[in-house]
Each structure stands twice: as C-alpha cells, then as structure tokens.
Protein backbone atom coordinates (compact mmCIF):
# COMPACT_ATOMS: atom_id res chain seq x y z
CA UNK A 1 0.04 -0.22 0.00
CA UNK A 2 1.17 3.45 -1.30
CA UNK A 3 2.91 5.61 2.01
CA UNK A 4 -0.27 8.24 2.79
CA UNK A 5 1.02 11.83 2.83
CA UNK A 6 -1.57 14.42 3.13
CA UNK A 7 -0.77 17.52 1.84
CA UNK A 8 -1.46 20.74 0.07
CA UNK A 9 -0.72 20.31 -3.27
CA UNK A 10 0.32 21.99 -6.74
CA UNK A 11 -1.60 19.76 -9.24
CA UNK A 12 0.31 20.78 -11.87
CA UNK A 13 3.71 20.29 -10.29
CA UNK A 14 3.82 15.97 -11.32
CA UNK A 15 7.35 16.24 -11.09
CA UNK A 16 9.12 13.17 -13.08
CA UNK A 17 12.31 11.80 -13.10
CA UNK A 18 14.77 10.06 -14.60
CA UNK A 19 16.85 7.82 -12.13
CA UNK A 20 18.85 5.20 -12.64
CA UNK A 21 20.58 2.46 -11.11
CA UNK A 22 21.76 -1.53 -10.38
CA UNK A 23 19.57 -4.45 -9.31
CA UNK A 24 20.67 -7.54 -8.12
CA UNK A 25 18.47 -10.79 -7.04
CA UNK A 26 18.42 -9.06 -3.21
CA UNK A 27 17.66 -5.72 -4.17
CA UNK A 28 14.61 -7.19 -6.65
CA UNK A 29 13.32 -8.29 -2.69
CA UNK A 30 13.73 -5.84 -1.33
CA UNK A 31 11.97 -3.94 -4.29
CA UNK A 32 9.23 -5.57 -3.73
CA UNK A 33 9.01 -3.87 -0.40
CA UNK A 34 9.79 -1.03 -0.88
CA UNK A 35 7.81 0.76 -3.82
CA UNK A 36 10.35 0.26 -6.64
CA UNK A 37 10.18 3.63 -8.82
CA UNK A 38 9.12 2.60 -12.27
CA UNK A 39 11.15 5.73 -14.03
CA UNK A 40 14.20 4.63 -15.63
CA UNK A 41 17.24 7.14 -16.56
CA UNK A 42 17.14 5.56 -20.43
CA UNK A 43 19.16 2.81 -19.42
CA UNK A 44 16.93 0.27 -18.38
CA UNK A 45 17.75 0.64 -14.49
CA UNK A 46 15.41 1.29 -11.15
CA UNK A 47 15.76 3.47 -8.38
CA UNK A 48 13.97 2.77 -5.40
CA UNK A 49 14.19 3.57 -1.67
CA UNK A 50 16.88 1.03 -0.59
CA UNK A 51 19.24 0.93 -4.31
CA UNK A 52 22.13 2.41 -2.55
CA UNK A 53 22.94 -0.68 -0.69
CA UNK A 54 23.95 -2.23 -4.16
CA UNK A 55 26.31 0.45 -3.86
CA UNK A 56 29.91 1.46 -1.81
CA UNK A 57 29.10 3.60 1.24
CA UNK A 58 31.05 6.11 3.39
CA UNK A 59 30.25 7.48 7.26
CA UNK A 60 27.32 4.87 8.68
CA UNK A 61 28.08 3.78 11.90
CA UNK A 62 28.86 -0.10 12.65
CA UNK A 63 25.53 -1.20 14.85
CA UNK A 64 26.85 -4.31 17.21
CA UNK A 65 23.42 -5.55 17.27
CA UNK A 66 22.28 -5.54 13.86
CA UNK A 67 18.57 -6.91 15.07
CA UNK A 68 18.25 -4.23 17.16
CA UNK A 69 18.30 -1.76 14.23
CA UNK A 70 16.31 -3.70 11.63
CA UNK A 71 13.90 -3.47 14.68
CA UNK A 72 14.22 -0.02 15.19
CA UNK A 73 13.80 0.84 11.69
CA UNK A 74 10.79 -1.42 11.28
CA UNK A 75 9.52 0.38 13.82
CA UNK A 76 10.11 4.04 12.32
CA UNK A 77 8.83 3.10 8.51
CA UNK A 78 5.17 2.83 10.38
CA UNK A 79 5.26 6.53 11.87
CA UNK A 80 4.01 9.76 9.63
CA UNK A 81 6.13 11.51 7.38
CA UNK A 82 7.97 14.74 9.02
CA UNK A 83 7.46 17.18 6.27
CA UNK A 84 4.91 16.75 3.24
CA UNK A 85 5.90 16.19 -0.10
CA UNK A 86 3.12 19.56 -1.37
CA UNK A 87 5.54 21.46 0.29
CA UNK A 88 8.58 20.22 -1.29
CA UNK A 89 7.33 21.77 -4.28
CA UNK A 90 6.54 25.28 -2.82
CA UNK A 91 9.94 25.14 -1.96
CA UNK A 92 11.39 24.16 -5.02
CA UNK A 93 9.59 26.38 -7.00
CA UNK A 94 11.33 29.56 -4.59
CA UNK A 95 13.89 27.84 -5.61
CA UNK A 96 13.89 28.36 -9.22
CA UNK A 97 13.28 31.85 -8.80
CA UNK A 98 16.18 31.95 -7.17
CA UNK A 99 18.30 30.39 -9.75
CA UNK A 100 16.94 33.13 -12.29
CA UNK A 101 17.99 36.19 -9.71
CA UNK A 102 14.01 36.53 -8.62
CA UNK A 103 15.46 35.45 -4.38
CA UNK A 104 17.71 34.69 -2.13
CA UNK A 105 18.52 31.23 0.41
CA UNK A 106 18.97 32.39 3.78
CA UNK A 107 20.32 28.84 5.40
CA UNK A 108 21.81 28.33 8.83
CA UNK A 109 21.45 26.76 12.27
CA UNK A 110 23.70 24.53 14.23
CA UNK A 111 26.64 22.16 13.09
CA UNK A 112 24.70 19.59 14.56
CA UNK A 113 21.36 19.60 16.90
CA UNK A 114 21.62 18.57 20.11
CA UNK A 115 19.34 16.54 22.15
CA UNK A 116 20.74 18.13 25.37
CA UNK A 117 20.24 21.49 24.17
CA UNK A 118 16.51 20.21 22.97
CA UNK A 119 14.13 22.73 24.49
CA UNK A 120 11.44 25.56 22.93
CA UNK A 121 13.63 28.49 24.18
CA UNK A 122 16.52 27.44 22.36
CA UNK A 123 14.61 26.59 18.88
CA UNK A 124 12.21 29.76 19.38
CA UNK A 125 15.41 32.16 19.50
CA UNK A 126 16.91 30.38 16.52
CA UNK A 127 13.41 30.89 14.62
CA UNK A 128 13.58 35.03 15.51
CA UNK A 129 17.33 35.14 14.42
CA UNK A 130 16.57 33.50 10.86
CA UNK A 131 13.51 35.52 10.77
CA UNK A 132 15.91 38.99 11.21
CA UNK A 133 17.72 37.97 8.68
CA UNK A 134 15.56 36.83 6.20
CA UNK A 135 14.09 40.93 7.01
CA UNK A 136 17.36 42.67 6.61
CA UNK A 137 18.22 40.48 3.50
CA UNK A 138 14.66 40.83 1.66
CA UNK A 139 14.63 44.77 2.65
CA UNK A 140 17.71 45.89 1.55
CA UNK A 141 18.51 43.40 -0.84
CA UNK A 142 14.62 44.20 -2.40
CA UNK A 143 14.45 40.45 -3.31
CA UNK A 144 11.68 37.89 -1.64
CA UNK A 145 14.13 35.31 1.14
CA UNK A 146 13.84 31.55 0.97
CA UNK A 147 14.52 30.59 4.96
CA UNK A 148 15.80 27.19 5.20
CA UNK A 149 16.92 25.80 8.30
CA UNK A 150 19.85 23.60 9.30
CA UNK A 151 17.16 21.76 11.98
CA UNK A 152 14.44 20.01 13.15
CA UNK A 153 16.90 16.79 11.77
CA UNK A 154 20.79 17.88 11.75
CA UNK A 155 21.63 15.75 13.86
CA UNK A 156 24.42 13.38 11.90
CA UNK A 157 28.14 14.63 11.70
CA UNK A 158 30.95 13.06 9.23
CA UNK A 159 34.31 12.51 10.70
CA UNK A 160 37.15 12.96 8.99
CA UNK A 161 37.94 10.18 11.47
CA UNK A 162 36.58 7.02 12.84
CA UNK A 163 39.03 7.18 15.74
CA UNK A 164 39.19 9.62 18.75
CA UNK A 165 42.25 9.35 20.97
CA UNK A 166 42.50 12.03 23.83
CA UNK A 167 46.08 10.81 25.46
CA UNK A 168 46.23 7.03 25.89
CA UNK A 169 42.16 6.07 25.20
CA UNK A 170 41.53 5.51 21.97
CA UNK A 171 37.52 5.55 20.69
CA UNK A 172 35.25 6.15 18.37
CA UNK A 173 34.40 9.22 16.91
CA UNK A 174 31.67 10.79 17.87
CA UNK A 175 28.92 11.05 14.97
CA UNK A 176 25.90 13.08 16.24
CA UNK A 177 23.07 12.75 18.44
CA UNK A 178 21.34 10.38 15.93
CA UNK A 179 24.59 7.42 16.87
CA UNK A 180 26.26 8.20 19.57
CA UNK A 181 26.94 10.44 22.77
CA UNK A 182 29.53 12.89 23.01
CA UNK A 183 31.27 11.73 26.32
CA UNK A 184 34.55 10.58 25.70
CA UNK A 185 33.20 7.15 26.80
CA UNK A 186 33.56 3.61 25.48
CA UNK A 187 29.59 3.13 26.78
CA UNK A 188 28.89 6.59 24.86
CA UNK A 189 30.20 5.89 21.86
CA UNK A 190 28.47 2.57 21.34
CA UNK A 191 26.18 3.20 18.11
CA UNK A 192 22.83 3.12 19.09
CA UNK A 193 19.86 2.34 17.00
CA UNK A 194 17.13 4.00 19.65
CA UNK A 195 18.43 7.29 19.34
CA UNK A 196 17.09 7.12 15.85
CA UNK A 197 13.83 7.30 17.26
CA UNK A 198 15.13 10.00 19.46
CA UNK A 199 15.76 12.07 16.40
CA UNK A 200 12.52 11.27 15.07
CA UNK A 201 10.53 12.47 18.22
CA UNK A 202 13.21 15.78 18.72
CA UNK A 203 12.29 16.72 14.70
CA UNK A 204 8.73 16.00 15.23
CA UNK A 205 8.27 18.24 17.94
CA UNK A 206 10.65 21.04 16.55
CA UNK A 207 8.68 20.94 13.83
CA UNK A 208 5.48 21.61 15.81
CA UNK A 209 6.71 24.28 16.77
CA UNK A 210 8.06 25.62 13.81
CA UNK A 211 4.79 25.57 11.71
CA UNK A 212 3.11 27.00 15.24
CA UNK A 213 5.67 30.25 14.54
CA UNK A 214 4.96 30.27 10.99
CA UNK A 215 1.46 30.12 10.83
CA UNK A 216 0.19 31.39 14.46
CA UNK A 217 1.50 34.89 13.65
CA UNK A 218 5.21 34.79 15.56
CA UNK A 219 6.30 34.96 11.95
CA UNK A 220 4.18 37.62 10.32
CA UNK A 221 5.82 40.87 9.21
CA UNK A 222 3.26 42.79 12.34
CA UNK A 223 5.75 41.18 14.71
CA UNK A 224 9.36 42.53 13.56
CA UNK A 225 9.76 44.71 16.32
CA UNK A 226 9.37 41.92 18.51
CA UNK A 227 11.48 39.41 17.46
CA UNK A 228 15.05 41.07 18.74
CA UNK A 229 17.26 39.14 21.07
CA UNK A 230 17.38 40.45 24.43
CA UNK A 231 21.32 40.51 25.12
CA UNK A 232 21.28 42.22 20.96
CA UNK A 233 19.14 44.96 22.37
CA UNK A 234 22.67 47.44 22.72
CA UNK A 235 24.46 46.20 20.11
CA UNK A 236 25.43 48.20 17.14
CA UNK A 237 23.87 45.16 14.74
CA UNK A 238 20.58 45.13 16.66
CA UNK A 239 20.52 48.36 16.85
CA UNK A 240 20.70 49.00 13.46
CA UNK A 241 17.63 45.90 13.19
CA UNK A 242 15.45 47.94 15.64
CA UNK A 243 16.34 50.99 12.81
CA UNK A 244 15.15 48.82 10.29
CA UNK A 245 12.08 47.39 11.72
CA UNK A 246 10.51 50.79 12.79
CA UNK A 247 10.88 51.65 8.62
CA UNK A 248 9.09 48.01 8.41
CA UNK A 249 5.89 49.29 11.23
CA UNK A 250 6.07 52.79 9.03
CA UNK A 251 5.11 50.92 5.91
CA UNK A 252 2.90 48.42 7.36
CA UNK A 253 0.99 51.13 8.76
CA UNK A 254 1.08 53.58 5.77
CA UNK A 255 -0.55 50.55 4.15
CA UNK A 256 -3.17 50.51 6.49
CA UNK A 257 -4.42 54.12 5.73
CA UNK A 258 -4.08 53.41 2.31
CA UNK A 259 -6.68 49.87 2.81
CA UNK A 260 -4.51 47.11 3.36
CA UNK A 261 -5.89 44.06 5.51
CA UNK A 262 -3.64 43.78 8.09
CA UNK A 263 -5.38 40.23 8.76
CA UNK A 264 -3.89 39.61 5.55
CA UNK A 265 -2.15 35.98 5.60
CA UNK A 266 0.98 38.29 3.87
CA UNK A 267 1.55 39.84 6.72
CA UNK A 268 0.25 37.50 9.58
CA UNK A 269 2.36 34.14 7.92
CA UNK A 270 5.35 32.73 6.41
CA UNK A 271 7.11 30.36 4.99
CA UNK A 272 9.74 28.83 6.47
CA UNK A 273 11.59 24.85 5.35
CA UNK A 274 13.80 22.36 7.28
CA UNK A 275 17.01 20.62 6.14
CA UNK A 276 19.43 19.27 7.20
CA UNK A 277 22.79 17.13 5.39
CA UNK A 278 21.85 13.92 3.96
CA UNK A 279 24.56 11.28 5.83
CA UNK A 280 22.68 8.39 7.58
CA UNK A 281 20.80 6.13 5.05
CA UNK A 282 19.30 3.93 6.72
CA UNK A 283 17.32 7.19 9.01
CA UNK A 284 16.42 8.44 4.98
CA UNK A 285 15.94 5.19 3.76
CA UNK A 286 13.08 4.52 6.61
CA UNK A 287 11.50 8.20 5.98
CA UNK A 288 11.15 7.72 2.40
CA UNK A 289 7.54 8.14 1.83
CA UNK A 290 5.14 7.75 -2.04
CA UNK A 291 3.56 10.19 -2.68
CA UNK A 292 0.39 9.23 -3.85
CA UNK A 293 -0.28 12.87 -5.78
CA UNK A 294 2.80 12.52 -8.13
CA UNK A 295 3.20 8.72 -7.69
CA UNK A 296 7.27 10.00 -6.74
CA UNK A 297 9.31 9.51 -3.90
CA UNK A 298 9.80 11.60 -1.33
CA UNK A 299 12.31 11.81 1.71
CA UNK A 300 9.78 12.61 4.25
CA UNK A 301 12.89 13.89 6.96
CA UNK A 302 13.08 17.24 5.22
CA UNK A 303 12.09 19.48 2.88
CA UNK A 304 15.51 20.00 1.97
CA UNK A 305 18.58 17.22 1.67
CA UNK A 306 22.29 18.19 1.22
CA UNK A 307 25.30 15.62 0.72
CA UNK A 308 28.92 16.41 2.45
CA UNK A 309 32.45 17.19 0.50
CA UNK A 310 32.86 13.35 2.24
CA UNK A 311 30.29 11.83 0.67
CA UNK A 312 29.26 12.58 -3.00
CA UNK A 313 31.42 10.11 -4.60
CA UNK A 314 29.24 9.89 -8.25
CA UNK A 315 29.49 5.63 -7.78
CA UNK A 316 28.12 5.50 -4.39
CA UNK A 317 25.44 5.26 -1.95
CA UNK A 318 24.56 8.78 -1.25
CA UNK A 319 24.49 9.59 -4.87
CA UNK A 320 22.44 7.50 -5.56
CA UNK A 321 20.24 7.61 -3.34
CA UNK A 322 19.79 11.50 -3.84
CA UNK A 323 19.01 11.15 -7.45
CA UNK A 324 16.04 9.68 -6.65
CA UNK A 325 14.09 11.46 -3.74
CA UNK A 326 12.42 14.43 -5.28
CA UNK A 327 12.97 16.95 -2.80
CA UNK A 328 15.08 19.65 -3.78
CA UNK A 329 18.44 18.42 -2.93
CA UNK A 330 22.03 20.20 -2.80
CA UNK A 331 25.72 19.12 -2.84
CA UNK A 332 28.51 20.54 -1.28
CA UNK A 333 32.18 21.30 -2.92
CA UNK A 334 35.33 21.99 -1.99
CA UNK A 335 38.05 23.76 -4.12
CA UNK A 336 38.55 19.92 -4.87
CA UNK A 337 36.13 19.07 -7.11
CA UNK A 338 37.04 19.03 -10.87
CA UNK A 339 34.44 21.20 -13.61
CA UNK A 340 33.44 18.06 -15.17
CA UNK A 341 33.29 15.49 -12.91
CA UNK A 342 30.08 18.37 -11.34
CA UNK A 343 28.86 18.89 -14.62
CA UNK A 344 28.97 15.05 -14.64
CA UNK A 345 27.02 15.01 -11.08
CA UNK A 346 24.30 17.56 -11.63
CA UNK A 347 23.64 15.48 -14.89
CA UNK A 348 22.87 12.77 -12.82
CA UNK A 349 20.98 14.24 -9.78
CA UNK A 350 19.24 16.65 -12.15
CA UNK A 351 18.86 14.40 -15.78
CA UNK A 352 16.06 16.85 -16.73
CA UNK A 353 17.96 20.00 -15.71
CA UNK A 354 14.53 21.11 -13.77
CA UNK A 355 15.01 24.18 -12.01
CA UNK A 356 15.04 24.77 -8.35
CA UNK A 357 15.93 21.44 -7.98
CA UNK A 358 19.62 21.53 -7.70
CA UNK A 359 21.89 23.67 -5.57
CA UNK A 360 25.32 24.23 -5.58
CA UNK A 361 26.96 25.02 -2.33
CA UNK A 362 30.74 25.77 -2.45
CA UNK A 363 32.91 25.82 0.47
CA UNK A 364 35.98 26.95 -0.49
CA UNK A 365 37.85 29.26 1.95
CA UNK A 366 38.29 33.11 -0.02
CA UNK A 367 41.62 32.60 -1.99
CA UNK A 368 40.72 29.19 -3.90
CA UNK A 369 36.48 31.04 -4.67
CA UNK A 370 38.11 33.39 -6.52
CA UNK A 371 40.49 30.76 -7.82
CA UNK A 372 38.31 27.40 -8.82
CA UNK A 373 34.96 28.68 -8.79
CA UNK A 374 35.11 30.96 -12.11
CA UNK A 375 36.00 27.08 -13.66
CA UNK A 376 32.90 25.74 -12.19
CA UNK A 377 31.03 28.32 -12.64
CA UNK A 378 31.80 28.01 -16.60
CA UNK A 379 31.47 24.76 -17.05
CA UNK A 380 28.43 23.95 -15.60
CA UNK A 381 27.24 27.38 -18.19
CA UNK A 382 28.19 25.69 -21.13
CA UNK A 383 26.80 22.72 -20.05
CA UNK A 384 23.52 24.19 -19.74
CA UNK A 385 22.86 23.44 -16.37
CA UNK A 386 20.44 24.92 -14.32
CA UNK A 387 21.54 25.00 -10.69
CA UNK A 388 21.34 27.58 -7.42
CA UNK A 389 24.58 28.72 -6.82
CA UNK A 390 25.03 29.07 -3.06
CA UNK A 391 28.01 29.82 -0.41
CA UNK A 392 29.04 27.90 2.58
CA UNK A 393 31.85 30.24 4.33
CA UNK A 394 32.55 28.23 7.32
CA UNK A 395 33.83 24.76 6.61
CA UNK A 396 36.45 26.36 4.35
CA UNK A 397 37.79 28.49 7.71
CA UNK A 398 38.15 26.75 10.21
CA UNK A 399 41.87 26.70 12.70
CA UNK A 400 41.91 25.67 16.14
CA UNK A 401 43.00 28.48 18.58
CA UNK A 402 44.04 28.55 22.26
CA UNK A 403 43.13 24.61 22.16
CA UNK A 404 39.46 25.46 20.88
CA UNK A 405 37.97 24.70 16.79
CA UNK A 406 36.69 27.77 15.66
CA UNK A 407 36.97 30.51 12.35
CA UNK A 408 37.53 34.13 12.19
CA UNK A 409 34.43 36.85 10.53
CA UNK A 410 36.94 38.41 8.79
CA UNK A 411 37.50 35.48 6.96
CA UNK A 412 33.74 34.31 7.11
CA UNK A 413 32.89 37.43 5.47
CA UNK A 414 35.93 37.64 2.70
CA UNK A 415 34.43 34.26 1.23
CA UNK A 416 30.63 35.69 1.11
CA UNK A 417 32.57 38.68 -0.86
CA UNK A 418 34.60 36.20 -2.66
CA UNK A 419 31.29 34.58 -3.86
CA UNK A 420 29.59 37.67 -4.92
CA UNK A 421 32.40 39.48 -7.05
CA UNK A 422 32.82 35.99 -8.77
CA UNK A 423 29.20 35.84 -10.09
CA UNK A 424 28.98 39.67 -10.06
CA UNK A 425 32.11 39.37 -13.08
CA UNK A 426 30.85 36.25 -14.60
CA UNK A 427 27.29 37.84 -15.12
CA UNK A 428 25.90 34.92 -12.65
CA UNK A 429 23.43 34.74 -9.95
CA UNK A 430 24.91 34.45 -6.24
CA UNK A 431 21.75 32.52 -5.16
CA UNK A 432 22.07 32.14 -1.20
CA UNK A 433 24.78 31.59 1.70
CA UNK A 434 23.97 28.52 4.15
CA UNK A 435 25.92 28.95 7.50
CA UNK A 436 26.31 27.00 10.89
CA UNK A 437 25.13 29.68 13.29
CA UNK A 438 22.73 29.71 16.49
CA UNK A 439 20.42 32.66 18.66
CA UNK A 440 22.46 32.27 21.04
CA UNK A 441 25.22 34.39 22.84
CA UNK A 442 28.09 32.12 21.96
CA UNK A 443 31.90 32.56 21.95
CA UNK A 444 32.34 30.17 19.32
CA UNK A 445 33.60 32.23 15.85
CA UNK A 446 36.38 35.65 16.94
CA UNK A 447 35.28 38.63 15.58
CA UNK A 448 32.95 41.06 13.89
CA UNK A 449 30.75 43.10 15.75
CA UNK A 450 30.37 41.69 18.88
CA UNK A 451 34.38 41.67 19.27
CA UNK A 452 34.67 38.31 20.37
CA UNK A 453 38.38 37.79 21.45
CA UNK A 454 40.51 33.88 21.74
CA UNK A 455 40.97 34.74 25.13
CA UNK A 456 36.81 35.05 25.44
CA UNK A 457 36.41 31.70 23.31
CA UNK A 458 36.31 29.65 26.90
CA UNK A 459 33.65 31.77 28.28
CA UNK A 460 30.26 29.93 26.42
CA UNK A 461 31.87 27.74 24.01
CA UNK A 462 28.71 25.85 23.50
CA UNK A 463 29.01 23.41 20.46
CA UNK A 464 28.90 20.09 20.08
CA UNK A 465 30.87 20.07 17.01
CA UNK A 466 32.09 22.43 14.90
CA UNK A 467 32.02 26.77 15.79
CA UNK A 468 28.84 28.72 14.60
CA UNK A 469 28.33 32.45 14.82
CA UNK A 470 26.24 33.63 17.59
CA UNK A 471 23.47 36.34 16.79
CA UNK A 472 25.11 39.19 16.48
CA UNK A 473 27.53 38.14 14.05
CA UNK A 474 25.09 36.26 11.80
CA UNK A 475 23.42 39.69 11.62
CA UNK A 476 26.06 41.81 10.85
CA UNK A 477 26.52 38.65 7.80
CA UNK A 478 22.92 39.30 6.83
CA UNK A 479 23.36 43.51 6.44
CA UNK A 480 26.53 42.10 4.28
CA UNK A 481 24.35 40.23 2.00
CA UNK A 482 22.02 42.66 1.46
CA UNK A 483 24.52 45.79 0.54
CA UNK A 484 25.35 43.64 -1.81
CA UNK A 485 22.21 42.48 -3.03
CA UNK A 486 21.45 46.36 -3.21
CA UNK A 487 24.36 47.06 -5.83
CA UNK A 488 23.24 44.15 -7.89
CA UNK A 489 19.72 45.67 -8.21
CA UNK A 490 20.67 49.40 -8.44
CA UNK A 491 23.12 48.38 -11.31
CA UNK A 492 20.19 45.68 -12.86
CA UNK A 493 18.11 49.03 -12.77
CA UNK A 494 21.25 51.43 -14.25
CA UNK A 495 21.29 48.73 -17.11
CA UNK A 496 17.56 49.12 -17.51
CA UNK A 497 16.86 52.67 -17.76
CA UNK A 498 20.13 52.82 -19.65
CA UNK A 499 18.48 50.53 -22.23
CA UNK A 500 14.75 52.11 -21.67
CA UNK A 501 16.48 55.36 -22.48
CA UNK A 502 18.26 54.17 -25.48
CA UNK A 503 14.85 52.86 -27.05
CA UNK A 504 13.35 56.46 -26.45
CA UNK A 505 15.85 58.09 -28.86
CA UNK A 506 15.65 55.61 -31.69
CA UNK A 507 11.90 56.57 -31.72
C-alpha cells in the first residue's frame, strides 16, 4: 500500500524523474517491499529507496546489534512523515526563482543539533534570528528570501577520522546524537539504534513548534520589532535591526492607511523550510515515502537535503540515494572538485535539468573561491545546466586557536565577498548563504561587531561539534549580504534605465 502523505499540493507540479541504478536478486527482493520507482534514466535501470545498498557507502556507523537496528527501522517505517511532499514542491518552485535572481536563500542553524540543548526557547531564538536575517536581506536587497533552517533533523555529522584519541585512550568518534553520545566514554560512543527514534521525536516536536510560529502570527511582519533577541538590545547590529524594523512598521502603517487589510496572511504568516545533511542512509530510507499524488518518492525527514564533501562520490551510495528522491537537494563542493566531475554529477542528480531541483554549495575559503569558482561556473554554463549557487563560508575557514576549534569572522565575510565578486564578474547569480549559527549568545567564532577574542572562546563555547556564529555575528553577515544584493539591484536598474532611454531616443 502506498505511503499516505496528506498535503497541500500544486496538482500541476507532476515532477518526473529520470533515474538509474543497479539491481541484483537481493535488491529485487527489497524492491517488492520498497515500491520500486517505475521510471528509468533511459538505460532501463531502476531506482528505489533501498537501491543505495548495492553501492559503496561512506560515513555510516557500525551498529553492534543488527537485530536491534532492524527492529528500530521497522518501527520508524510505521511513523508518519515529518514533512509533506507538496511543501517540497513549493520549496522547489521558490528555488527555481532564486536560480534566475528572483530570490535569495538564507540557510542556517546548528552544526549538529544536540538532544541536551533541545528546548522551546532555543528553537524560538534560532527561529527569530533567521527571520531577522531574512528581513534584513529582503528589505535591503529587494528580493524574496527563502528561509531554510538547519533544524529538525541535523543530528548526524561526518568525521574525518573513525577514532578519537585523548591521551592513551582511543574511542570511536562522536558522529552526532542520532548515532552515539559526545561523552568520551566507551559506553557513550557505541552506536545505539534507539537514538534514531529519539531524533525522529525531537524533529517532530521541533517541526510542530516551527509550524505554529510560522502560521500562528509569530513569524508575520506585524511582529518584526518583537524578534530582537534580548542580549542584542544594546549591540550595534541590534540597533541597526531595530532601525530597520521601525521602517517596516511605518510602511505597514502607511499600507493600512491606504486600505490594506492587516489581517492578510501575507502580513501574519511566513514560509519556513527545514533541511539537514543526508548522511545516515538507514534513517533517510526509512522516512522515504511514495507520494500518492505524483507517484514519486520523497524523503519525508526534511524539505531539503544536501550531500557533504565526504560523501559525494559519483559511484557511491549517497549519490545513488539522492538522485531518486524528489526533494530539492544540494551538494557541497570544495576547491578539489574537478569542473568535469561537477557537470557529470549535476547530470546524474538532475537529468531533466529541472529549475530549483539542485543547489551547488561551494566551500573553499576566499582565495580558492576566486581561483576555482569561475572554472566551475563556466563548466556548468557551457553544459547548459540550471543550478542555484550558494556559498558555505564556514567549512573552508576552520582553525584551532588556544585549543578551541574556531573560525574568524573576517575570513567568513571575505569568502562571501569573493562569492559575490566572482558571480558579478561572470554575470551569474549568487543565490544564497549557508551558515552554521545559533540564536544563543555564544563565543565560538572570533571577531565581528561582537568583538569576540581568542581569550573569550572559553567563556561560552557550547557547540558539540563545529563553531557557530552568534546572533550578532550572523546578523552582521545578513546586513553585508543585503548591501551586495542592493548593489546588484541598483546595477540592473541602471542597465534597464539606460536601455529604456536608448529605446526612446531611437523613436
């Protein structure tokens, strides 16, 4: 029986996938239970949620109790979807506009969500920070903003080494709360299947609160002046934000005087989408369901998923899984990516060249961005492929200072600057930023208007994994992005005015 996914749908959006894969006798047996996808990529090969199991796979835990894992996955397969396929199609339509410069993505959240930090206040503070950033970018840049949280599922992390050593003790690496615990003990580091259920439950509760915020008025423009975080009230960026909020309030008051209905959903609701790295394939497969409206498979763990630098091998399991799900997806690429390989990967993940389907997320460092990104852009342009270009300025700028893993705000900003500069010079679209950040007043990244120093790192260093921008630093990034988008808008307006004047002179 098909998975039942109740949703608001755009019935005209009947997505068609052309996907491929390999089959064996073992896989055919799985397919009978997994609802094999009945579309091929022209080679006669088929895709289904478990077809990734026929491929080499990276970054997966070694569960000691296979029967316990099987039972947990069986239980999860009976749980409701966390998101709806119709929401994924809405997101893809928004991303399609981003690809042509009619929108911008602000994506951010924790490096890795932690069970111990799960509470309503943390979710609220992150949510309103992302709303603040979106407002700054939309108001200053003059474009709609796609709000995409790294939340409600970002529980797994890839690791550069399978083992971690402290002194003379060596233990399996911490791979995120969905797999094992951060405590440096042999008991905590054993992969536990029950954590899959706990991650699902945390995600469901988080999504419930986010949906309430987005549809219940909290995320509406009528509340922009209420979004400021208390600890930012006297900061420079907090004051800049409140100045902007007052301008928005004045604009709303004018529109009300002009006859606009202040109860309009446009003013009182907002769109908000969730995302996480597609890493733990057992979990992702279990939450992949067949949409009865389109007869296509969606990974119902999040609206949007991406592959990381460590799992994007063309002939490996993660690419195999991602090419078949119909969610909008992303792939992170570093300066190591060969332009020809990128073109091949895009063709595999988006064979129909569907706008909004695929995002390329660059993570290189500012210097490498200026050297390597133009070659990638040109290769994709020559191939006629449609992608959304996004920058992740975090992962190419990680270093260790005073024993703490950290990032310098200046380097993060410089990489964003390089990203915009390259796209401006090539006439292509800088489509978004992807940040690791928190609504909490942490001291994990050095610099910025908050003036976090190396000596401050130990004061409020709370991350379980990689260092995050605090709220003031993140908002400072949003103001810079808005200034670059305004510059782009003004340039396009100048070109348009010149063209109009030339046309009038001809007549």
